[in-house]
């Protein structure tokens, strides 16, 4: 028989290590940073991911110039930068077009290297966000999750 004390009991909280698998959220996070989290119903986390990844990428371009994204001469760095999403392909296309017209010269020195590194780190940061979107925790805010 169910007494009044059994009605007031809350359901047991899920452990922190319980996870789901959402491959579509991971694909959406690859298309645009933060989009996978927004699709999962975590808009704050999605906006923070978007701000972090794109902010780091734009900072790299501001430091190193458009030559920080170069698929021809810095191919290995470009592989890491591509993880930041389509923004890397768009920036590379603009860079190649402007270089073919003679408007951009090869970047030299530490500033170009720092810009290249910053854009690559944005790509690696988005890779972590993609994995986080694909395997989100099943705990919700009402159960104690913060984001």
C-alpha atoms as a PDB file:
ATOM      1  CA  UNK A   1       0.000   0.000   0.000  1.00  0.00           C
ATOM      2  CA  UNK A   2       1.247   3.445  -0.930  1.00  0.00           C
ATOM      3  CA  UNK A   3       1.358   5.789   2.015  1.00  0.00           C
ATOM      4  CA  UNK A   4       1.787   9.562   2.028  1.00  0.00           C
ATOM      5  CA  UNK A   5       5.541   9.224   2.541  1.00  0.00           C
ATOM      6  CA  UNK A   6       5.980   7.338  -0.785  1.00  0.00           C
ATOM      7  CA  UNK A   7       4.243  10.125  -2.763  1.00  0.00           C
ATOM      8  CA  UNK A   8       6.676  12.788  -1.580  1.00  0.00           C
ATOM      9  CA  UNK A   9       9.819  10.868  -2.519  1.00  0.00           C
ATOM     10  CA  UNK A  10      11.711  12.299  -5.473  1.00  0.00           C
ATOM     11  CA  UNK A  11      12.917   9.977  -8.212  1.00  0.00           C
ATOM     12  CA  UNK A  12      16.552   8.976  -7.789  1.00  0.00           C
ATOM     13  CA  UNK A  13      19.040  11.276  -9.492  1.00  0.00           C
ATOM     14  CA  UNK A  14      20.997   9.898 -12.410  1.00  0.00           C
ATOM     15  CA  UNK A  15      24.717   9.397 -11.770  1.00  0.00           C
ATOM     16  CA  UNK A  16      27.091  11.894 -13.395  1.00  0.00           C
ATOM     17  CA  UNK A  17      28.636   9.284 -15.654  1.00  0.00           C
ATOM     18  CA  UNK A  18      25.352   8.285 -17.316  1.00  0.00           C
ATOM     19  CA  UNK A  19      25.462   9.521 -20.885  1.00  0.00           C
ATOM     20  CA  UNK A  20      23.375   9.426 -24.024  1.00  0.00           C
ATOM     21  CA  UNK A  21      24.520   9.284 -27.631  1.00  0.00           C
ATOM     22  CA  UNK A  22      23.301  11.940 -30.077  1.00  0.00           C
ATOM     23  CA  UNK A  23      25.179  11.674 -33.404  1.00  0.00           C
ATOM     24  CA  UNK A  24      22.981  14.310 -35.056  1.00  0.00           C
ATOM     25  CA  UNK A  25      23.992  16.870 -32.424  1.00  0.00           C
ATOM     26  CA  UNK A  26      27.636  16.080 -33.205  1.00  0.00           C
ATOM     27  CA  UNK A  27      27.037  16.621 -36.917  1.00  0.00           C
ATOM     28  CA  UNK A  28      25.297  19.926 -36.212  1.00  0.00           C
ATOM     29  CA  UNK A  29      28.238  20.982 -34.025  1.00  0.00           C
ATOM     30  CA  UNK A  30      30.549  20.240 -36.971  1.00  0.00           C
ATOM     31  CA  UNK A  31      28.427  22.406 -39.262  1.00  0.00           C
ATOM     32  CA  UNK A  32      28.570  25.393 -36.911  1.00  0.00           C
ATOM     33  CA  UNK A  33      30.155  25.664 -33.446  1.00  0.00           C
ATOM     34  CA  UNK A  34      27.523  25.568 -30.697  1.00  0.00           C
ATOM     35  CA  UNK A  35      24.665  24.428 -32.917  1.00  0.00           C
ATOM     36  CA  UNK A  36      24.717  20.884 -31.522  1.00  0.00           C
ATOM     37  CA  UNK A  37      24.204  22.080 -27.961  1.00  0.00           C
ATOM     38  CA  UNK A  38      21.408  24.401 -29.033  1.00  0.00           C
ATOM     39  CA  UNK A  39      19.707  21.455 -30.756  1.00  0.00           C
ATOM     40  CA  UNK A  40      19.986  19.457 -27.523  1.00  0.00           C
ATOM     41  CA  UNK A  41      18.109  22.165 -25.642  1.00  0.00           C
ATOM     42  CA  UNK A  42      21.216  23.715 -24.061  1.00  0.00           C
ATOM     43  CA  UNK A  43      21.153  27.215 -25.587  1.00  0.00           C
ATOM     44  CA  UNK A  44      23.423  28.831 -22.974  1.00  0.00           C
ATOM     45  CA  UNK A  45      26.123  26.213 -23.448  1.00  0.00           C
ATOM     46  CA  UNK A  46      25.719  26.507 -27.238  1.00  0.00           C
ATOM     47  CA  UNK A  47      26.187  30.278 -27.139  1.00  0.00           C
ATOM     48  CA  UNK A  48      29.253  29.933 -24.920  1.00  0.00           C
ATOM     49  CA  UNK A  49      30.787  27.342 -27.266  1.00  0.00           C
ATOM     50  CA  UNK A  50      30.024  29.561 -30.260  1.00  0.00           C
ATOM     51  CA  UNK A  51      31.547  32.602 -28.560  1.00  0.00           C
ATOM     52  CA  UNK A  52      34.662  30.701 -27.494  1.00  0.00           C
ATOM     53  CA  UNK A  53      35.417  28.920 -30.769  1.00  0.00           C
ATOM     54  CA  UNK A  54      34.602  31.788 -33.137  1.00  0.00           C
ATOM     55  CA  UNK A  55      36.190  34.335 -30.804  1.00  0.00           C
ATOM     56  CA  UNK A  56      39.456  32.393 -30.749  1.00  0.00           C
ATOM     57  CA  UNK A  57      39.326  31.928 -34.522  1.00  0.00           C
ATOM     58  CA  UNK A  58      38.712  35.637 -35.222  1.00  0.00           C
ATOM     59  CA  UNK A  59      41.425  36.577 -32.737  1.00  0.00           C
ATOM     60  CA  UNK A  60      43.839  34.389 -34.693  1.00  0.00           C
ATOM     61  CA  UNK A  61      42.929  36.154 -37.919  1.00  0.00           C
ATOM     62  CA  UNK A  62      43.309  39.561 -36.283  1.00  0.00           C
ATOM     63  CA  UNK A  63      46.747  38.615 -34.934  1.00  0.00           C
ATOM     64  CA  UNK A  64      48.151  36.773 -37.958  1.00  0.00           C
ATOM     65  CA  UNK A  65      46.129  38.206 -40.825  1.00  0.00           C
ATOM     66  CA  UNK A  66      44.365  36.174 -43.496  1.00  0.00           C
ATOM     67  CA  UNK A  67      47.604  34.325 -44.176  1.00  0.00           C
ATOM     68  CA  UNK A  68      47.112  32.483 -40.861  1.00  0.00           C
ATOM     69  CA  UNK A  69      44.624  30.282 -42.776  1.00  0.00           C
ATOM     70  CA  UNK A  70      46.446  28.731 -45.727  1.00  0.00           C
ATOM     71  CA  UNK A  71      45.497  25.318 -47.124  1.00  0.00           C
ATOM     72  CA  UNK A  72      48.365  25.284 -49.639  1.00  0.00           C
ATOM     73  CA  UNK A  73      51.468  26.230 -47.676  1.00  0.00           C
ATOM     74  CA  UNK A  74      50.349  25.305 -44.152  1.00  0.00           C
ATOM     75  CA  UNK A  75      48.409  22.152 -44.934  1.00  0.00           C
ATOM     76  CA  UNK A  76      48.867  20.421 -41.549  1.00  0.00           C
ATOM     77  CA  UNK A  77      47.810  23.518 -39.657  1.00  0.00           C
ATOM     78  CA  UNK A  78      44.804  23.834 -41.947  1.00  0.00           C
ATOM     79  CA  UNK A  79      43.651  20.321 -41.016  1.00  0.00           C
ATOM     80  CA  UNK A  80      43.402  21.468 -37.394  1.00  0.00           C
ATOM     81  CA  UNK A  81      41.758  24.781 -38.355  1.00  0.00           C
ATOM     82  CA  UNK A  82      39.062  23.010 -40.380  1.00  0.00           C
ATOM     83  CA  UNK A  83      37.686  21.550 -37.150  1.00  0.00           C
ATOM     84  CA  UNK A  84      36.395  25.058 -36.340  1.00  0.00           C
ATOM     85  CA  UNK A  85      33.789  24.608 -39.070  1.00  0.00           C
ATOM     86  CA  UNK A  86      32.991  26.155 -42.436  1.00  0.00           C
ATOM     87  CA  UNK A  87      34.436  29.486 -41.332  1.00  0.00           C
ATOM     88  CA  UNK A  88      37.903  28.014 -42.026  1.00  0.00           C
ATOM     89  CA  UNK A  89      36.975  27.061 -45.603  1.00  0.00           C
ATOM     90  CA  UNK A  90      35.435  30.484 -46.242  1.00  0.00           C
ATOM     91  CA  UNK A  91      38.485  32.289 -44.850  1.00  0.00           C
ATOM     92  CA  UNK A  92      40.815  30.092 -46.897  1.00  0.00           C
ATOM     93  CA  UNK A  93      38.818  30.760 -50.088  1.00  0.00           C
ATOM     94  CA  UNK A  94      39.008  34.529 -49.478  1.00  0.00           C
ATOM     95  CA  UNK A  95      42.739  34.218 -48.749  1.00  0.00           C
ATOM     96  CA  UNK A  96      43.425  32.246 -51.955  1.00  0.00           C
ATOM     97  CA  UNK A  97      41.375  34.688 -54.040  1.00  0.00           C
ATOM     98  CA  UNK A  98      43.121  37.768 -52.629  1.00  0.00           C
ATOM     99  CA  UNK A  99      46.551  36.142 -52.959  1.00  0.00           C
ATOM    100  CA  UNK A 100      45.902  35.307 -56.638  1.00  0.00           C
ATOM    101  CA  UNK A 101      45.178  38.986 -57.247  1.00  0.00           C
ATOM    102  CA  UNK A 102      48.372  40.001 -55.450  1.00  0.00           C
ATOM    103  CA  UNK A 103      46.710  41.694 -52.472  1.00  0.00           C
ATOM    104  CA  UNK A 104      48.130  39.384 -49.787  1.00  0.00           C
ATOM    105  CA  UNK A 105      51.774  38.551 -49.225  1.00  0.00           C
ATOM    106  CA  UNK A 106      53.234  35.707 -47.178  1.00  0.00           C
ATOM    107  CA  UNK A 107      52.951  36.419 -43.469  1.00  0.00           C
ATOM    108  CA  UNK A 108      56.261  36.452 -41.647  1.00  0.00           C
ATOM    109  CA  UNK A 109      57.408  36.305 -38.083  1.00  0.00           C
ATOM    110  CA  UNK A 110      55.878  35.336 -34.795  1.00  0.00           C
ATOM    111  CA  UNK A 111      52.594  37.166 -35.333  1.00  0.00           C
ATOM    112  CA  UNK A 112      51.677  34.927 -38.252  1.00  0.00           C
ATOM    113  CA  UNK A 113      52.641  31.850 -36.249  1.00  0.00           C
ATOM    114  CA  UNK A 114      50.557  32.968 -33.269  1.00  0.00           C
ATOM    115  CA  UNK A 115      47.568  33.626 -35.516  1.00  0.00           C
ATOM    116  CA  UNK A 116      47.920  30.205 -37.141  1.00  0.00           C
ATOM    117  CA  UNK A 117      48.190  28.545 -33.736  1.00  0.00           C
ATOM    118  CA  UNK A 118      45.176  30.433 -32.392  1.00  0.00           C
ATOM    119  CA  UNK A 119      42.992  29.323 -35.324  1.00  0.00           C
ATOM    120  CA  UNK A 120      44.188  25.722 -34.900  1.00  0.00           C
ATOM    121  CA  UNK A 121      43.363  25.851 -31.188  1.00  0.00           C
ATOM    122  CA  UNK A 122      39.862  27.058 -32.096  1.00  0.00           C
ATOM    123  CA  UNK A 123      39.509  23.926 -34.210  1.00  0.00           C
ATOM    124  CA  UNK A 124      40.642  21.660 -31.381  1.00  0.00           C
ATOM    125  CA  UNK A 125      38.334  23.463 -28.983  1.00  0.00           C
ATOM    126  CA  UNK A 126      35.416  22.802 -31.326  1.00  0.00           C
ATOM    127  CA  UNK A 127      36.428  19.125 -31.525  1.00  0.00           C
ATOM    128  CA  UNK A 128      35.942  18.904 -27.768  1.00  0.00           C
ATOM    129  CA  UNK A 129      32.575  20.667 -28.124  1.00  0.00           C
ATOM    130  CA  UNK A 130      31.551  18.200 -30.876  1.00  0.00           C
ATOM    131  CA  UNK A 131      32.320  15.284 -28.568  1.00  0.00           C
ATOM    132  CA  UNK A 132      30.442  16.984 -25.744  1.00  0.00           C
ATOM    133  CA  UNK A 133      27.391  17.429 -27.989  1.00  0.00           C
ATOM    134  CA  UNK A 134      27.515  13.806 -29.145  1.00  0.00           C
ATOM    135  CA  UNK A 135      27.765  12.408 -25.592  1.00  0.00           C
ATOM    136  CA  UNK A 136      25.849  14.836 -23.354  1.00  0.00           C
ATOM    137  CA  UNK A 137      25.131  14.082 -19.693  1.00  0.00           C
ATOM    138  CA  UNK A 138      21.587  12.879 -19.108  1.00  0.00           C
ATOM    139  CA  UNK A 139      21.185  14.975 -15.958  1.00  0.00           C
ATOM    140  CA  UNK A 140      19.018  18.023 -16.405  1.00  0.00           C
ATOM    141  CA  UNK A 141      18.990  21.378 -14.631  1.00  0.00           C
ATOM    142  CA  UNK A 142      16.254  20.338 -12.222  1.00  0.00           C
ATOM    143  CA  UNK A 143      18.475  17.458 -11.136  1.00  0.00           C
ATOM    144  CA  UNK A 144      21.466  19.646 -10.387  1.00  0.00           C
ATOM    145  CA  UNK A 145      23.232  20.140 -13.741  1.00  0.00           C
ATOM    146  CA  UNK A 146      24.484  23.711 -14.203  1.00  0.00           C
ATOM    147  CA  UNK A 147      24.599  24.097 -18.000  1.00  0.00           C
END
